[in-house]
Amino acid sequence: MSIVTKMECVHSENPEWFTTGAEYDSEPRGEDTCICGDNLVSDLNPEDWYEMSQRADGLWFLTGYQQSVLFRAGRTNP
């Protein structure tokens, strides 16, 4: 079973993908931390999970999206 961390969206320039104030599940996938979005399903990523990177201030962002969506880590469920 994977460790799931709730991530709160604190900024989103793409509200159709992630809604500011909403919580989303993230989990480790190999060496990456990935997040599950609402409407980001594409041919390249049919499972709807996207890699994240962490900034120096502790906020997380979607890798490759120029920090247009930011998250704060919340509670963790084993």
PDB file of N, CA and C in Angstrom:
ATOM      1  N   MET A   1       0.840  -1.177   0.000  1.00  0.00           N
ATOM      2  CA  MET A   1       0.000   0.000   0.000  1.00  0.00           C
ATOM      3  C   MET A   1       0.885   1.241   0.000  1.00  0.00           C
ATOM      4  N   SER A   2       0.514   2.212  -0.779  1.00  0.00           N
ATOM      5  CA  SER A   2       1.302   3.427  -0.924  1.00  0.00           C
ATOM      6  C   SER A   2       0.898   4.460   0.125  1.00  0.00           C
ATOM      7  N   ILE A   3       1.835   5.333   0.466  1.00  0.00           N
ATOM      8  CA  ILE A   3       1.558   6.436   1.382  1.00  0.00           C
ATOM      9  C   ILE A   3       0.952   7.580   0.577  1.00  0.00           C
ATOM     10  N   VAL A   4      -0.241   8.009   0.986  1.00  0.00           N
ATOM     11  CA  VAL A   4      -0.941   9.084   0.293  1.00  0.00           C
ATOM     12  C   VAL A   4      -0.860  10.349   1.134  1.00  0.00           C
ATOM     13  N   THR A   5      -0.437  11.441   0.517  1.00  0.00           N
ATOM     14  CA  THR A   5      -0.400  12.749   1.175  1.00  0.00           C
ATOM     15  C   THR A   5      -1.414  13.651   0.501  1.00  0.00           C
ATOM     16  N   LYS A   6      -2.250  14.292   1.306  1.00  0.00           N
ATOM     17  CA  LYS A   6      -3.200  15.263   0.771  1.00  0.00           C
ATOM     18  C   LYS A   6      -2.447  16.551   0.462  1.00  0.00           C
ATOM     19  N   MET A   7      -2.681  17.113  -0.709  1.00  0.00           N
ATOM     20  CA  MET A   7      -2.085  18.378  -1.122  1.00  0.00           C
ATOM     21  C   MET A   7      -3.210  19.383  -1.343  1.00  0.00           C
ATOM     22  N   GLU A   8      -3.100  20.538  -0.688  1.00  0.00           N
ATOM     23  CA  GLU A   8      -4.070  21.600  -0.893  1.00  0.00           C
ATOM     24  C   GLU A   8      -3.580  22.505  -2.008  1.00  0.00           C
ATOM     25  N   CYS A   9      -4.423  22.753  -2.984  1.00  0.00           N
ATOM     26  CA  CYS A   9      -4.081  23.676  -4.063  1.00  0.00           C
ATOM     27  C   CYS A   9      -4.174  25.104  -3.513  1.00  0.00           C
ATOM     28  N   VAL A  10      -3.057  25.831  -3.551  1.00  0.00           N
ATOM     29  CA  VAL A  10      -3.030  27.200  -3.022  1.00  0.00           C
ATOM     30  C   VAL A  10      -2.999  28.258  -4.127  1.00  0.00           C
ATOM     31  N   HIS A  11      -2.784  27.831  -5.364  1.00  0.00           N
ATOM     32  CA  HIS A  11      -2.782  28.749  -6.509  1.00  0.00           C
ATOM     33  C   HIS A  11      -2.993  27.923  -7.768  1.00  0.00           C
ATOM     34  N   SER A  12      -3.875  28.386  -8.643  1.00  0.00           N
ATOM     35  CA  SER A  12      -4.097  27.673  -9.907  1.00  0.00           C
ATOM     36  C   SER A  12      -4.467  28.647 -11.007  1.00  0.00           C
ATOM     37  N   GLU A  13      -3.637  28.673 -12.057  1.00  0.00           N
ATOM     38  CA  GLU A  13      -3.957  29.446 -13.250  1.00  0.00           C
ATOM     39  C   GLU A  13      -4.801  28.607 -14.213  1.00  0.00           C
ATOM     40  N   ASN A  14      -5.057  27.338 -13.838  1.00  0.00           N
ATOM     41  CA  ASN A  14      -5.839  26.412 -14.654  1.00  0.00           C
ATOM     42  C   ASN A  14      -6.911  25.763 -13.780  1.00  0.00           C
ATOM     43  N   PRO A  15      -7.961  26.520 -13.380  1.00  0.00           N
ATOM     44  CA  PRO A  15      -8.961  25.966 -12.461  1.00  0.00           C
ATOM     45  C   PRO A  15      -9.721  24.767 -13.026  1.00  0.00           C
ATOM     46  N   GLU A  16      -9.689  24.584 -14.345  1.00  0.00           N
ATOM     47  CA  GLU A  16     -10.330  23.397 -14.918  1.00  0.00           C
ATOM     48  C   GLU A  16      -9.517  22.144 -14.610  1.00  0.00           C
ATOM     49  N   TRP A  17      -8.238  22.318 -14.246  1.00  0.00           N
ATOM     50  CA  TRP A  17      -7.380  21.186 -13.870  1.00  0.00           C
ATOM     51  C   TRP A  17      -7.353  20.997 -12.371  1.00  0.00           C
ATOM     52  N   PHE A  18      -7.082  22.081 -11.622  1.00  0.00           N
ATOM     53  CA  PHE A  18      -6.987  22.050 -10.159  1.00  0.00           C
ATOM     54  C   PHE A  18      -7.671  23.287  -9.607  1.00  0.00           C
ATOM     55  N   THR A  19      -8.476  23.121  -8.546  1.00  0.00           N
ATOM     56  CA  THR A  19      -9.248  24.202  -7.954  1.00  0.00           C
ATOM     57  C   THR A  19      -8.557  24.699  -6.691  1.00  0.00           C
ATOM     58  N   THR A  20      -8.309  26.011  -6.614  1.00  0.00           N
ATOM     59  CA  THR A  20      -7.702  26.596  -5.421  1.00  0.00           C
ATOM     60  C   THR A  20      -8.569  26.284  -4.207  1.00  0.00           C
ATOM     61  N   GLY A  21      -7.944  25.800  -3.127  1.00  0.00           N
ATOM     62  CA  GLY A  21      -8.644  25.449  -1.896  1.00  0.00           C
ATOM     63  C   GLY A  21      -9.046  23.985  -1.807  1.00  0.00           C
ATOM     64  N   ALA A  22      -9.029  23.275  -2.923  1.00  0.00           N
ATOM     65  CA  ALA A  22      -9.394  21.856  -2.918  1.00  0.00           C
ATOM     66  C   ALA A  22      -8.183  20.994  -2.553  1.00  0.00           C
ATOM     67  N   GLU A  23      -8.448  19.791  -2.038  1.00  0.00           N
ATOM     68  CA  GLU A  23      -7.383  18.850  -1.697  1.00  0.00           C
ATOM     69  C   GLU A  23      -7.315  17.748  -2.749  1.00  0.00           C
ATOM     70  N   TYR A  24      -6.094  17.323  -3.040  1.00  0.00           N
ATOM     71  CA  TYR A  24      -5.845  16.271  -4.015  1.00  0.00           C
ATOM     72  C   TYR A  24      -4.878  15.260  -3.409  1.00  0.00           C
ATOM     73  N   ASP A  25      -4.952  14.017  -3.877  1.00  0.00           N
ATOM     74  CA  ASP A  25      -4.060  12.968  -3.397  1.00  0.00           C
ATOM     75  C   ASP A  25      -2.736  13.004  -4.139  1.00  0.00           C
ATOM     76  N   SER A  26      -1.644  12.864  -3.388  1.00  0.00           N
ATOM     77  CA  SER A  26      -0.336  12.674  -4.001  1.00  0.00           C
ATOM     78  C   SER A  26       0.287  11.440  -3.374  1.00  0.00           C
ATOM     79  N   GLU A  27       1.207  10.830  -4.087  1.00  0.00           N
ATOM     80  CA  GLU A  27       1.882   9.644  -3.561  1.00  0.00           C
ATOM     81  C   GLU A  27       3.207   9.453  -4.266  1.00  0.00           C
ATOM     82  N   PRO A  28       4.125   8.748  -3.609  1.00  0.00           N
ATOM     83  CA  PRO A  28       5.392   8.438  -4.277  1.00  0.00           C
ATOM     84  C   PRO A  28       5.169   7.423  -5.385  1.00  0.00           C
ATOM     85  N   ARG A  29       5.794   7.664  -6.513  1.00  0.00           N
ATOM     86  CA  ARG A  29       5.768   6.721  -7.643  1.00  0.00           C
ATOM     87  C   ARG A  29       7.204   6.595  -8.106  1.00  0.00           C
ATOM     88  N   GLY A  30       7.882   5.545  -7.649  1.00  0.00           N
ATOM     89  CA  GLY A  30       9.304   5.409  -7.911  1.00  0.00           C
ATOM     90  C   GLY A  30      10.029   6.497  -7.143  1.00  0.00           C
ATOM     91  N   GLU A  31      10.866   7.248  -7.818  1.00  0.00           N
ATOM     92  CA  GLU A  31      11.611   8.328  -7.175  1.00  0.00           C
ATOM     93  C   GLU A  31      10.857   9.654  -7.197  1.00  0.00           C
ATOM     94  N   ASP A  32       9.708   9.684  -7.848  1.00  0.00           N
ATOM     95  CA  ASP A  32       8.948  10.926  -8.000  1.00  0.00           C
ATOM     96  C   ASP A  32       7.780  10.986  -7.023  1.00  0.00           C
ATOM     97  N   THR A  33       7.342  12.206  -6.724  1.00  0.00           N
ATOM     98  CA  THR A  33       6.078  12.434  -6.036  1.00  0.00           C
ATOM     99  C   THR A  33       5.105  12.876  -7.111  1.00  0.00           C
ATOM    100  N   CYS A  34       3.938  12.233  -7.163  1.00  0.00           N
ATOM    101  CA  CYS A  34       2.961  12.522  -8.212  1.00  0.00           C
ATOM    102  C   CYS A  34       1.621  12.890  -7.583  1.00  0.00           C
ATOM    103  N   ILE A  35       0.834  13.652  -8.326  1.00  0.00           N
ATOM    104  CA  ILE A  35      -0.473  14.089  -7.849  1.00  0.00           C
ATOM    105  C   ILE A  35      -1.527  13.676  -8.859  1.00  0.00           C
ATOM    106  N   CYS A  36      -2.714  13.387  -8.356  1.00  0.00           N
ATOM    107  CA  CYS A  36      -3.825  12.984  -9.210  1.00  0.00           C
ATOM    108  C   CYS A  36      -4.722  14.195  -9.434  1.00  0.00           C
ATOM    109  N   GLY A  37      -4.926  14.570 -10.694  1.00  0.00           N
ATOM    110  CA  GLY A  37      -5.750  15.727 -11.026  1.00  0.00           C
ATOM    111  C   GLY A  37      -7.153  15.345 -11.428  1.00  0.00           C
ATOM    112  N   ASP A  38      -7.995  16.363 -11.617  1.00  0.00           N
ATOM    113  CA  ASP A  38      -9.385  16.139 -11.976  1.00  0.00           C
ATOM    114  C   ASP A  38      -9.579  15.870 -13.464  1.00  0.00           C
ATOM    115  N   ASN A  39      -9.012  16.724 -14.281  1.00  0.00           N
ATOM    116  CA  ASN A  39      -9.318  16.682 -15.712  1.00  0.00           C
ATOM    117  C   ASN A  39      -8.071  16.757 -16.569  1.00  0.00           C
ATOM    118  N   LEU A  40      -6.971  16.165 -16.105  1.00  0.00           N
ATOM    119  CA  LEU A  40      -5.715  16.242 -16.840  1.00  0.00           C
ATOM    120  C   LEU A  40      -5.433  14.994 -17.656  1.00  0.00           C
ATOM    121  N   VAL A  41      -6.401  14.098 -17.777  1.00  0.00           N
ATOM    122  CA  VAL A  41      -6.158  12.847 -18.499  1.00  0.00           C
ATOM    123  C   VAL A  41      -5.782  13.159 -19.941  1.00  0.00           C
ATOM    124  N   SER A  42      -4.710  12.542 -20.399  1.00  0.00           N
ATOM    125  CA  SER A  42      -4.280  12.716 -21.784  1.00  0.00           C
ATOM    126  C   SER A  42      -3.782  11.382 -22.310  1.00  0.00           C
ATOM    127  N   ASP A  43      -3.515  11.325 -23.591  1.00  0.00           N
ATOM    128  CA  ASP A  43      -2.969  10.099 -24.181  1.00  0.00           C
ATOM    129  C   ASP A  43      -1.608   9.768 -23.593  1.00  0.00           C
ATOM    130  N   LEU A  44      -0.857  10.796 -23.164  1.00  0.00           N
ATOM    131  CA  LEU A  44       0.464  10.577 -22.595  1.00  0.00           C
ATOM    132  C   LEU A  44       0.395  10.077 -21.161  1.00  0.00           C
ATOM    133  N   ASN A  45      -0.699  10.373 -20.468  1.00  0.00           N
ATOM    134  CA  ASN A  45      -0.815  10.013 -19.061  1.00  0.00           C
ATOM    135  C   ASN A  45      -2.242   9.554 -18.745  1.00  0.00           C
ATOM    136  N   PRO A  46      -2.632   8.382 -19.217  1.00  0.00           N
ATOM    137  CA  PRO A  46      -4.019   7.939 -19.064  1.00  0.00           C
ATOM    138  C   PRO A  46      -4.438   7.692 -17.621  1.00  0.00           C
ATOM    139  N   GLU A  47      -3.477   7.514 -16.705  1.00  0.00           N
ATOM    140  CA  GLU A  47      -3.838   7.266 -15.313  1.00  0.00           C
ATOM    141  C   GLU A  47      -4.083   8.547 -14.528  1.00  0.00           C
ATOM    142  N   ASP A  48      -3.850   9.720 -15.119  1.00  0.00           N
ATOM    143  CA  ASP A  48      -4.180  10.993 -14.495  1.00  0.00           C
ATOM    144  C   ASP A  48      -3.244  11.375 -13.344  1.00  0.00           C
ATOM    145  N   TRP A  49      -2.006  10.827 -13.305  1.00  0.00           N
ATOM    146  CA  TRP A  49      -1.027  11.175 -12.272  1.00  0.00           C
ATOM    147  C   TRP A  49       0.074  12.009 -12.902  1.00  0.00           C
ATOM    148  N   TYR A  50       0.500  13.081 -12.204  1.00  0.00           N
ATOM    149  CA  TYR A  50       1.485  14.006 -12.744  1.00  0.00           C
ATOM    150  C   TYR A  50       2.616  14.245 -11.757  1.00  0.00           C
ATOM    151  N   GLU A  51       3.851  14.283 -12.273  1.00  0.00           N
ATOM    152  CA  GLU A  51       5.037  14.484 -11.434  1.00  0.00           C
ATOM    153  C   GLU A  51       5.050  15.887 -10.841  1.00  0.00           C
ATOM    154  N   MET A  52       5.573  15.959  -9.608  1.00  0.00           N
ATOM    155  CA  MET A  52       5.671  17.230  -8.909  1.00  0.00           C
ATOM    156  C   MET A  52       7.109  17.478  -8.473  1.00  0.00           C
ATOM    157  N   SER A  53       7.437  18.747  -8.275  1.00  0.00           N
ATOM    158  CA  SER A  53       8.718  19.163  -7.713  1.00  0.00           C
ATOM    159  C   SER A  53       8.429  20.108  -6.561  1.00  0.00           C
ATOM    160  N   GLN A  54       9.383  20.191  -5.614  1.00  0.00           N
ATOM    161  CA  GLN A  54       9.189  21.055  -4.460  1.00  0.00           C
ATOM    162  C   GLN A  54      10.102  22.273  -4.541  1.00  0.00           C
ATOM    163  N   ARG A  55       9.538  23.453  -4.236  1.00  0.00           N
ATOM    164  CA  ARG A  55      10.300  24.685  -4.204  1.00  0.00           C
ATOM    165  C   ARG A  55      11.021  24.816  -2.869  1.00  0.00           C
ATOM    166  N   ALA A  56      11.946  25.758  -2.780  1.00  0.00           N
ATOM    167  CA  ALA A  56      12.704  25.993  -1.548  1.00  0.00           C
ATOM    168  C   ALA A  56      11.796  26.428  -0.397  1.00  0.00           C
ATOM    169  N   ASP A  57      10.664  27.077  -0.703  1.00  0.00           N
ATOM    170  CA  ASP A  57       9.756  27.529   0.360  1.00  0.00           C
ATOM    171  C   ASP A  57       8.795  26.444   0.822  1.00  0.00           C
ATOM    172  N   GLY A  58       8.928  25.224   0.266  1.00  0.00           N
ATOM    173  CA  GLY A  58       8.109  24.099   0.700  1.00  0.00           C
ATOM    174  C   GLY A  58       6.880  23.839  -0.143  1.00  0.00           C
ATOM    175  N   LEU A  59       6.493  24.786  -1.000  1.00  0.00           N
ATOM    176  CA  LEU A  59       5.349  24.549  -1.875  1.00  0.00           C
ATOM    177  C   LEU A  59       5.738  23.587  -2.997  1.00  0.00           C
ATOM    178  N   TRP A  60       4.757  22.867  -3.501  1.00  0.00           N
ATOM    179  CA  TRP A  60       4.950  21.917  -4.595  1.00  0.00           C
ATOM    180  C   TRP A  60       4.312  22.461  -5.859  1.00  0.00           C
ATOM    181  N   PHE A  61       4.842  22.054  -7.028  1.00  0.00           N
ATOM    182  CA  PHE A  61       4.268  22.475  -8.305  1.00  0.00           C
ATOM    183  C   PHE A  61       4.347  21.326  -9.299  1.00  0.00           C
ATOM    184  N   LEU A  62       3.509  21.400 -10.331  1.00  0.00           N
ATOM    185  CA  LEU A  62       3.524  20.385 -11.380  1.00  0.00           C
ATOM    186  C   LEU A  62       4.765  20.572 -12.227  1.00  0.00           C
ATOM    187  N   THR A  63       5.555  19.531 -12.370  1.00  0.00           N
ATOM    188  CA  THR A  63       6.765  19.597 -13.191  1.00  0.00           C
ATOM    189  C   THR A  63       6.362  19.869 -14.639  1.00  0.00           C
ATOM    190  N   GLY A  64       6.949  20.895 -15.243  1.00  0.00           N
ATOM    191  CA  GLY A  64       6.684  21.215 -16.646  1.00  0.00           C
ATOM    192  C   GLY A  64       5.564  22.210 -16.861  1.00  0.00           C
ATOM    193  N   TYR A  65       4.931  22.705 -15.800  1.00  0.00           N
ATOM    194  CA  TYR A  65       3.830  23.650 -15.961  1.00  0.00           C
ATOM    195  C   TYR A  65       4.180  25.049 -15.449  1.00  0.00           C
ATOM    196  N   GLN A  66       5.472  25.367 -15.347  1.00  0.00           N
ATOM    197  CA  GLN A  66       5.979  26.700 -15.014  1.00  0.00           C
ATOM    198  C   GLN A  66       5.349  27.274 -13.749  1.00  0.00           C
ATOM    199  N   GLN A  67       5.114  26.417 -12.770  1.00  0.00           N
ATOM    200  CA  GLN A  67       4.589  26.803 -11.466  1.00  0.00           C
ATOM    201  C   GLN A  67       3.247  27.528 -11.563  1.00  0.00           C
ATOM    202  N   SER A  68       2.442  27.169 -12.559  1.00  0.00           N
ATOM    203  CA  SER A  68       1.119  27.773 -12.708  1.00  0.00           C
ATOM    204  C   SER A  68       0.106  27.180 -11.731  1.00  0.00           C
ATOM    205  N   VAL A  69       0.459  26.040 -11.108  1.00  0.00           N
ATOM    206  CA  VAL A  69      -0.385  25.411 -10.093  1.00  0.00           C
ATOM    207  C   VAL A  69       0.520  25.081  -8.907  1.00  0.00           C
ATOM    208  N   LEU A  70       0.145  25.573  -7.714  1.00  0.00           N
ATOM    209  CA  LEU A  70       0.965  25.370  -6.516  1.00  0.00           C
ATOM    210  C   LEU A  70       0.166  24.642  -5.440  1.00  0.00           C
ATOM    211  N   PHE A  71       0.860  23.806  -4.660  1.00  0.00           N
ATOM    212  CA  PHE A  71       0.227  22.998  -3.617  1.00  0.00           C
ATOM    213  C   PHE A  71       0.999  23.098  -2.318  1.00  0.00           C
ATOM    214  N   ARG A  72       0.285  22.907  -1.207  1.00  0.00           N
ATOM    215  CA  ARG A  72       0.888  22.806   0.126  1.00  0.00           C
ATOM    216  C   ARG A  72       0.549  21.416   0.653  1.00  0.00           C
ATOM    217  N   ALA A  73       1.573  20.720   1.159  1.00  0.00           N
ATOM    218  CA  ALA A  73       1.353  19.384   1.704  1.00  0.00           C
ATOM    219  C   ALA A  73       0.511  19.455   2.957  1.00  0.00           C
ATOM    220  N   GLY A  74      -0.422  18.512   3.076  1.00  0.00           N
ATOM    221  CA  GLY A  74      -1.283  18.437   4.248  1.00  0.00           C
ATOM    222  C   GLY A  74      -1.044  17.129   4.985  1.00  0.00           C
ATOM    223  N   ARG A  75      -2.115  16.480   5.382  1.00  0.00           N
ATOM    224  CA  ARG A  75      -1.999  15.261   6.178  1.00  0.00           C
ATOM    225  C   ARG A  75      -1.604  14.069   5.310  1.00  0.00           C
ATOM    226  N   THR A  76      -0.989  13.086   5.960  1.00  0.00           N
ATOM    227  CA  THR A  76      -0.535  11.873   5.286  1.00  0.00           C
ATOM    228  C   THR A  76      -1.285  10.678   5.842  1.00  0.00           C
ATOM    229  N   ASN A  77      -1.721   9.797   4.946  1.00  0.00           N
ATOM    230  CA  ASN A  77      -2.412   8.571   5.334  1.00  0.00           C
ATOM    231  C   ASN A  77      -1.580   7.382   4.865  1.00  0.00           C
ATOM    232  N   PRO A  78      -1.185   6.506   5.795  1.00  0.00           N
ATOM    233  CA  PRO A  78      -0.384   5.326   5.383  1.00  0.00           C
ATOM    234  C   PRO A  78      -1.220   4.337   4.604  1.00  0.00           C
TER     235      PRO A  78
END
